[in-house]
Amino acid sequence: MSVEKIRKEEQPFHQPERQKQVKKVKLRKKQWISTGEKMLYSAATTLFLAASVFLVQFSASTDELNRDIRSLEQEISKQETQNENLAFQVKELSNPDRILKIAKENGLDIQNAQVKQAATIE
């Protein structure tokens, strides 16, 4: 036997090494908030903001209505006071003694007649 054969026999059988293929895999980092949660939070935030705007608008319109009501009540109170004053003036001006005095000043003579106050129409 030749030396080369012996060496070949003594050496363990080597298979050619295959090259290792490295696959590049993109690893996704786990997100703190998922996409679905982001959408839910966005929708909730939008609803909260819309409700806040509606609440502020509603309270502003309510305040405006209350102010209008107060001003109308003040106008009504003034008008009632004015009506009472006018009613008192009507009673004063319809006094029979006053009417007789004005009649005499203008040259009217009442002969044997009694002056009666006319009934008021209510």
N, C-alpha and C. Protein backbone atom coordinates (compact mmCIF):
# COMPACT_ATOMS: atom_id res chain seq x y z
N MET A 1 0.81 -1.15 0.00
CA MET A 1 0.00 0.00 0.00
C MET A 1 0.86 1.23 0.00
N SER A 2 0.25 2.06 -0.59
CA SER A 2 1.03 3.27 -0.69
C SER A 2 0.69 4.19 0.47
N VAL A 3 1.54 5.07 0.64
CA VAL A 3 1.40 5.99 1.78
C VAL A 3 0.15 6.86 1.60
N GLU A 4 -0.13 7.18 0.44
CA GLU A 4 -1.29 8.04 0.21
C GLU A 4 -2.58 7.33 0.53
N LYS A 5 -2.63 6.05 0.22
CA LYS A 5 -3.84 5.29 0.52
C LYS A 5 -4.04 5.17 2.01
N ILE A 6 -2.96 4.96 2.72
CA ILE A 6 -3.04 4.81 4.16
C ILE A 6 -3.51 6.13 4.79
N ARG A 7 -2.99 7.16 4.31
CA ARG A 7 -3.40 8.45 4.86
C ARG A 7 -4.89 8.69 4.62
N LYS A 8 -5.31 8.31 3.47
CA LYS A 8 -6.71 8.51 3.16
C LYS A 8 -7.57 7.64 4.05
N GLU A 9 -7.14 6.46 4.36
CA GLU A 9 -7.92 5.57 5.19
C GLU A 9 -7.93 6.02 6.64
N GLU A 10 -6.85 6.56 7.08
CA GLU A 10 -6.76 6.99 8.46
C GLU A 10 -7.56 8.27 8.72
N GLN A 11 -7.58 9.09 7.75
CA GLN A 11 -8.33 10.32 7.95
C GLN A 11 -9.82 10.04 7.86
N PRO A 12 -10.51 10.60 8.77
CA PRO A 12 -11.95 10.39 8.70
C PRO A 12 -12.52 11.02 7.44
N PHE A 13 -13.60 10.47 7.05
CA PHE A 13 -14.22 10.92 5.82
C PHE A 13 -14.84 12.30 6.05
N HIS A 14 -14.37 13.23 5.30
CA HIS A 14 -14.86 14.61 5.41
C HIS A 14 -15.78 14.91 4.25
N GLN A 15 -16.91 15.38 4.62
CA GLN A 15 -17.82 15.84 3.59
C GLN A 15 -17.55 17.34 3.40
N PRO A 16 -17.75 17.76 2.23
CA PRO A 16 -17.50 19.18 2.03
C PRO A 16 -18.52 20.00 2.85
N GLU A 17 -18.00 20.98 3.46
CA GLU A 17 -18.85 21.80 4.33
C GLU A 17 -19.79 22.65 3.47
N ARG A 18 -21.00 22.62 3.87
CA ARG A 18 -21.97 23.45 3.17
C ARG A 18 -21.91 24.85 3.77
N GLN A 19 -22.09 25.76 2.91
CA GLN A 19 -22.10 27.14 3.41
C GLN A 19 -23.44 27.41 4.09
N LYS A 20 -23.34 27.98 5.23
CA LYS A 20 -24.56 28.29 5.97
C LYS A 20 -25.18 29.54 5.37
N GLN A 21 -26.42 29.39 5.05
CA GLN A 21 -27.13 30.55 4.51
C GLN A 21 -27.81 31.28 5.66
N VAL A 22 -27.56 32.54 5.73
CA VAL A 22 -28.15 33.34 6.78
C VAL A 22 -29.32 34.11 6.17
N LYS A 23 -30.47 33.87 6.73
CA LYS A 23 -31.65 34.59 6.27
C LYS A 23 -31.80 35.83 7.13
N LYS A 24 -32.04 36.92 6.47
CA LYS A 24 -32.26 38.14 7.20
C LYS A 24 -33.76 38.26 7.46
N VAL A 25 -34.09 38.19 8.68
CA VAL A 25 -35.48 38.29 9.08
C VAL A 25 -35.65 39.60 9.84
N LYS A 26 -36.63 40.34 9.39
CA LYS A 26 -36.90 41.59 10.08
C LYS A 26 -37.73 41.28 11.32
N LEU A 27 -37.21 41.63 12.43
CA LEU A 27 -37.93 41.41 13.67
C LEU A 27 -38.76 42.65 13.96
N ARG A 28 -40.00 42.41 14.22
CA ARG A 28 -40.87 43.53 14.57
C ARG A 28 -40.78 43.72 16.08
N LYS A 29 -40.54 44.94 16.42
CA LYS A 29 -40.55 45.23 17.85
C LYS A 29 -41.99 45.27 18.30
N LYS A 30 -42.22 44.76 19.45
CA LYS A 30 -43.57 44.78 19.96
C LYS A 30 -43.92 46.23 20.31
N GLN A 31 -44.99 46.71 19.69
CA GLN A 31 -45.39 48.09 19.92
C GLN A 31 -46.04 48.21 21.29
N TRP A 32 -45.87 49.41 21.86
CA TRP A 32 -46.45 49.67 23.18
C TRP A 32 -47.96 49.69 23.09
N ILE A 33 -48.47 50.31 22.00
CA ILE A 33 -49.91 50.35 21.75
C ILE A 33 -50.15 49.81 20.35
N SER A 34 -51.07 48.89 20.24
CA SER A 34 -51.34 48.30 18.93
C SER A 34 -52.16 49.27 18.08
N THR A 35 -52.25 48.96 16.80
CA THR A 35 -52.98 49.82 15.86
C THR A 35 -54.45 49.91 16.23
N GLY A 36 -55.05 48.81 16.60
CA GLY A 36 -56.46 48.81 17.00
C GLY A 36 -56.70 49.67 18.23
N GLU A 37 -55.78 49.56 19.18
CA GLU A 37 -55.91 50.39 20.38
C GLU A 37 -55.76 51.86 20.04
N LYS A 38 -54.85 52.18 19.12
CA LYS A 38 -54.68 53.57 18.71
C LYS A 38 -55.98 54.10 18.11
N MET A 39 -56.63 53.29 17.28
CA MET A 39 -57.89 53.71 16.67
C MET A 39 -58.97 53.91 17.73
N LEU A 40 -59.03 52.99 18.70
CA LEU A 40 -60.02 53.12 19.77
C LEU A 40 -59.75 54.38 20.61
N TYR A 41 -58.50 54.63 20.93
CA TYR A 41 -58.16 55.83 21.71
C TYR A 41 -58.47 57.09 20.92
N SER A 42 -58.19 57.06 19.63
CA SER A 42 -58.49 58.23 18.79
C SER A 42 -59.99 58.48 18.74
N ALA A 43 -60.78 57.42 18.57
CA ALA A 43 -62.23 57.56 18.53
C ALA A 43 -62.76 58.07 19.87
N ALA A 44 -62.23 57.53 20.97
CA ALA A 44 -62.68 57.97 22.29
C ALA A 44 -62.32 59.43 22.53
N THR A 45 -61.12 59.83 22.12
CA THR A 45 -60.70 61.21 22.29
C THR A 45 -61.57 62.14 21.46
N THR A 46 -61.87 61.74 20.23
CA THR A 46 -62.73 62.55 19.36
C THR A 46 -64.12 62.71 19.97
N LEU A 47 -64.68 61.62 20.47
CA LEU A 47 -65.99 61.69 21.11
C LEU A 47 -65.96 62.58 22.35
N PHE A 48 -64.88 62.48 23.13
CA PHE A 48 -64.76 63.31 24.33
C PHE A 48 -64.69 64.78 23.96
N LEU A 49 -63.91 65.12 22.94
CA LEU A 49 -63.79 66.51 22.52
C LEU A 49 -65.12 67.02 21.96
N ALA A 50 -65.80 66.19 21.18
CA ALA A 50 -67.10 66.60 20.63
C ALA A 50 -68.11 66.82 21.75
N ALA A 51 -68.12 65.94 22.74
CA ALA A 51 -69.03 66.10 23.87
C ALA A 51 -68.70 67.36 24.66
N SER A 52 -67.42 67.66 24.81
CA SER A 52 -67.01 68.87 25.53
C SER A 52 -67.48 70.12 24.79
N VAL A 53 -67.29 70.14 23.48
CA VAL A 53 -67.72 71.30 22.69
C VAL A 53 -69.23 71.45 22.78
N PHE A 54 -69.96 70.33 22.67
CA PHE A 54 -71.42 70.38 22.76
C PHE A 54 -71.85 70.90 24.12
N LEU A 55 -71.20 70.44 25.19
CA LEU A 55 -71.55 70.88 26.54
C LEU A 55 -71.32 72.37 26.72
N VAL A 56 -70.19 72.86 26.23
CA VAL A 56 -69.90 74.29 26.36
C VAL A 56 -70.90 75.11 25.55
N GLN A 57 -71.19 74.65 24.35
CA GLN A 57 -72.16 75.36 23.50
C GLN A 57 -73.55 75.36 24.15
N PHE A 58 -73.95 74.24 24.70
CA PHE A 58 -75.26 74.13 25.35
C PHE A 58 -75.33 75.05 26.56
N SER A 59 -74.29 75.08 27.37
CA SER A 59 -74.31 75.94 28.56
C SER A 59 -74.29 77.41 28.16
N ALA A 60 -73.60 77.75 27.08
CA ALA A 60 -73.58 79.14 26.61
C ALA A 60 -74.96 79.55 26.12
N SER A 61 -75.63 78.69 25.39
CA SER A 61 -76.97 79.04 24.90
C SER A 61 -77.97 79.11 26.05
N THR A 62 -77.82 78.24 27.04
CA THR A 62 -78.68 78.30 28.23
C THR A 62 -78.48 79.60 28.98
N ASP A 63 -77.22 80.01 29.11
CA ASP A 63 -76.92 81.27 29.79
C ASP A 63 -77.53 82.45 29.03
N GLU A 64 -77.43 82.41 27.71
CA GLU A 64 -78.01 83.49 26.89
C GLU A 64 -79.53 83.54 27.07
N LEU A 65 -80.18 82.38 27.09
CA LEU A 65 -81.63 82.34 27.29
C LEU A 65 -82.00 82.88 28.67
N ASN A 66 -81.22 82.53 29.68
CA ASN A 66 -81.51 83.03 31.03
C ASN A 66 -81.38 84.54 31.08
N ARG A 67 -80.39 85.09 30.40
CA ARG A 67 -80.23 86.54 30.37
C ARG A 67 -81.41 87.20 29.65
N ASP A 68 -81.86 86.61 28.55
CA ASP A 68 -83.02 87.14 27.84
C ASP A 68 -84.26 87.10 28.72
N ILE A 69 -84.44 86.02 29.45
CA ILE A 69 -85.60 85.89 30.33
C ILE A 69 -85.56 86.96 31.41
N ARG A 70 -84.37 87.17 32.01
CA ARG A 70 -84.26 88.20 33.04
C ARG A 70 -84.57 89.58 32.49
N SER A 71 -84.09 89.89 31.30
CA SER A 71 -84.37 91.21 30.72
C SER A 71 -85.86 91.36 30.41
N LEU A 72 -86.50 90.29 29.93
CA LEU A 72 -87.94 90.35 29.66
C LEU A 72 -88.72 90.51 30.97
N GLU A 73 -88.29 89.83 32.02
CA GLU A 73 -88.97 89.99 33.31
C GLU A 73 -88.84 91.42 33.82
N GLN A 74 -87.69 92.05 33.61
CA GLN A 74 -87.51 93.44 34.01
C GLN A 74 -88.42 94.36 33.21
N GLU A 75 -88.53 94.11 31.91
CA GLU A 75 -89.42 94.91 31.08
C GLU A 75 -90.87 94.74 31.52
N ILE A 76 -91.25 93.51 31.84
CA ILE A 76 -92.62 93.25 32.30
C ILE A 76 -92.88 93.99 33.61
N SER A 77 -91.91 93.95 34.51
CA SER A 77 -92.06 94.64 35.79
C SER A 77 -92.22 96.15 35.58
N LYS A 78 -91.41 96.71 34.70
CA LYS A 78 -91.53 98.15 34.40
C LYS A 78 -92.89 98.48 33.81
N GLN A 79 -93.37 97.64 32.89
CA GLN A 79 -94.65 97.87 32.25
C GLN A 79 -95.80 97.76 33.26
N GLU A 80 -95.71 96.78 34.17
CA GLU A 80 -96.75 96.64 35.19
C GLU A 80 -96.78 97.87 36.09
N THR A 81 -95.60 98.38 36.46
CA THR A 81 -95.54 99.59 37.29
C THR A 81 -96.16 100.77 36.55
N GLN A 82 -95.83 100.89 35.27
CA GLN A 82 -96.40 101.98 34.46
C GLN A 82 -97.92 101.83 34.35
N ASN A 83 -98.41 100.62 34.17
CA ASN A 83 -99.86 100.38 34.09
C ASN A 83 -100.55 100.75 35.39
N GLU A 84 -99.93 100.39 36.52
CA GLU A 84 -100.51 100.75 37.82
C GLU A 84 -100.57 102.27 37.99
N ASN A 85 -99.51 102.96 37.59
CA ASN A 85 -99.49 104.43 37.67
C ASN A 85 -100.59 105.05 36.81
N LEU A 86 -100.73 104.50 35.59
CA LEU A 86 -101.76 105.03 34.70
C LEU A 86 -103.16 104.75 35.26
N ALA A 87 -103.36 103.59 35.85
CA ALA A 87 -104.67 103.27 36.44
C ALA A 87 -104.97 104.23 37.59
N PHE A 88 -103.95 104.56 38.39
CA PHE A 88 -104.15 105.51 39.48
C PHE A 88 -104.47 106.90 38.93
N GLN A 89 -103.80 107.29 37.85
CA GLN A 89 -104.09 108.59 37.23
C GLN A 89 -105.50 108.63 36.68
N VAL A 90 -105.98 107.53 36.11
CA VAL A 90 -107.36 107.47 35.59
C VAL A 90 -108.34 107.70 36.73
N LYS A 91 -108.09 107.06 37.88
CA LYS A 91 -109.00 107.24 39.02
C LYS A 91 -108.99 108.69 39.49
N GLU A 92 -107.79 109.29 39.51
CA GLU A 92 -107.71 110.69 39.95
C GLU A 92 -108.42 111.62 38.97
N LEU A 93 -108.20 111.38 37.69
CA LEU A 93 -108.79 112.27 36.69
C LEU A 93 -110.30 112.07 36.55
N SER A 94 -110.83 110.94 36.93
CA SER A 94 -112.27 110.72 36.81
C SER A 94 -113.03 111.09 38.08
N ASN A 95 -112.41 111.80 38.97
CA ASN A 95 -113.06 112.27 40.19
C ASN A 95 -114.17 113.26 39.81
N PRO A 96 -115.42 113.06 40.31
CA PRO A 96 -116.55 113.94 39.93
C PRO A 96 -116.33 115.39 40.31
N ASP A 97 -115.68 115.65 41.43
CA ASP A 97 -115.44 117.03 41.83
C ASP A 97 -114.54 117.75 40.82
N ARG A 98 -113.56 117.06 40.34
CA ARG A 98 -112.64 117.62 39.35
C ARG A 98 -113.39 117.92 38.05
N ILE A 99 -114.25 117.00 37.64
CA ILE A 99 -115.02 117.19 36.40
C ILE A 99 -115.94 118.41 36.53
N LEU A 100 -116.62 118.54 37.70
CA LEU A 100 -117.50 119.70 37.91
C LEU A 100 -116.70 121.00 37.88
N LYS A 101 -115.52 120.99 38.47
CA LYS A 101 -114.67 122.19 38.49
C LYS A 101 -114.29 122.60 37.08
N ILE A 102 -113.88 121.64 36.26
CA ILE A 102 -113.49 121.93 34.88
C ILE A 102 -114.70 122.41 34.08
N ALA A 103 -115.86 121.83 34.36
CA ALA A 103 -117.09 122.23 33.65
C ALA A 103 -117.44 123.67 33.97
N LYS A 104 -117.33 124.05 35.24
CA LYS A 104 -117.64 125.42 35.63
C LYS A 104 -116.64 126.40 35.05
N GLU A 105 -115.36 126.01 34.96
CA GLU A 105 -114.33 126.88 34.39
C GLU A 105 -114.60 127.16 32.92
N ASN A 106 -115.19 126.20 32.24
CA ASN A 106 -115.46 126.34 30.82
C ASN A 106 -116.86 126.92 30.54
N GLY A 107 -117.55 127.31 31.58
CA GLY A 107 -118.83 128.00 31.41
C GLY A 107 -120.02 127.09 31.35
N LEU A 108 -119.93 125.87 31.74
CA LEU A 108 -121.10 124.98 31.75
C LEU A 108 -121.78 125.09 33.10
N ASP A 109 -123.09 125.14 33.07
CA ASP A 109 -123.87 125.20 34.31
C ASP A 109 -124.67 123.92 34.44
N ILE A 110 -124.62 123.34 35.61
CA ILE A 110 -125.41 122.15 35.88
C ILE A 110 -126.57 122.59 36.76
N GLN A 111 -127.76 122.34 36.28
CA GLN A 111 -128.94 122.77 37.04
C GLN A 111 -129.68 121.55 37.54
N ASN A 112 -129.82 121.51 38.83
CA ASN A 112 -130.55 120.45 39.50
C ASN A 112 -130.20 119.05 38.99
N ALA A 113 -128.98 118.81 38.80
CA ALA A 113 -128.55 117.48 38.35
C ALA A 113 -127.46 116.98 39.27
N GLN A 114 -127.43 115.71 39.38
CA GLN A 114 -126.37 115.11 40.19
C GLN A 114 -125.36 114.47 39.25
N VAL A 115 -124.13 114.72 39.56
CA VAL A 115 -123.07 114.13 38.73
C VAL A 115 -122.74 112.77 39.32
N LYS A 116 -122.83 111.79 38.48
CA LYS A 116 -122.54 110.42 38.91
C LYS A 116 -121.34 109.92 38.11
N GLN A 117 -120.56 109.11 38.77
CA GLN A 117 -119.40 108.54 38.09
C GLN A 117 -119.85 107.35 37.26
N ALA A 118 -119.47 107.35 36.03
CA ALA A 118 -119.85 106.25 35.15
C ALA A 118 -119.13 104.97 35.56
N ALA A 119 -119.81 103.88 35.36
CA ALA A 119 -119.20 102.59 35.71
C ALA A 119 -118.06 102.29 34.75
N THR A 120 -117.01 101.81 35.29
CA THR A 120 -115.84 101.50 34.45
C THR A 120 -116.06 100.13 33.79
N ILE A 121 -115.61 100.04 32.59
CA ILE A 121 -115.73 98.79 31.84
C ILE A 121 -114.45 97.98 32.07
N GLU A 122 -114.63 96.81 32.57
CA GLU A 122 -113.47 95.98 32.86
C GLU A 122 -113.50 94.73 32.05
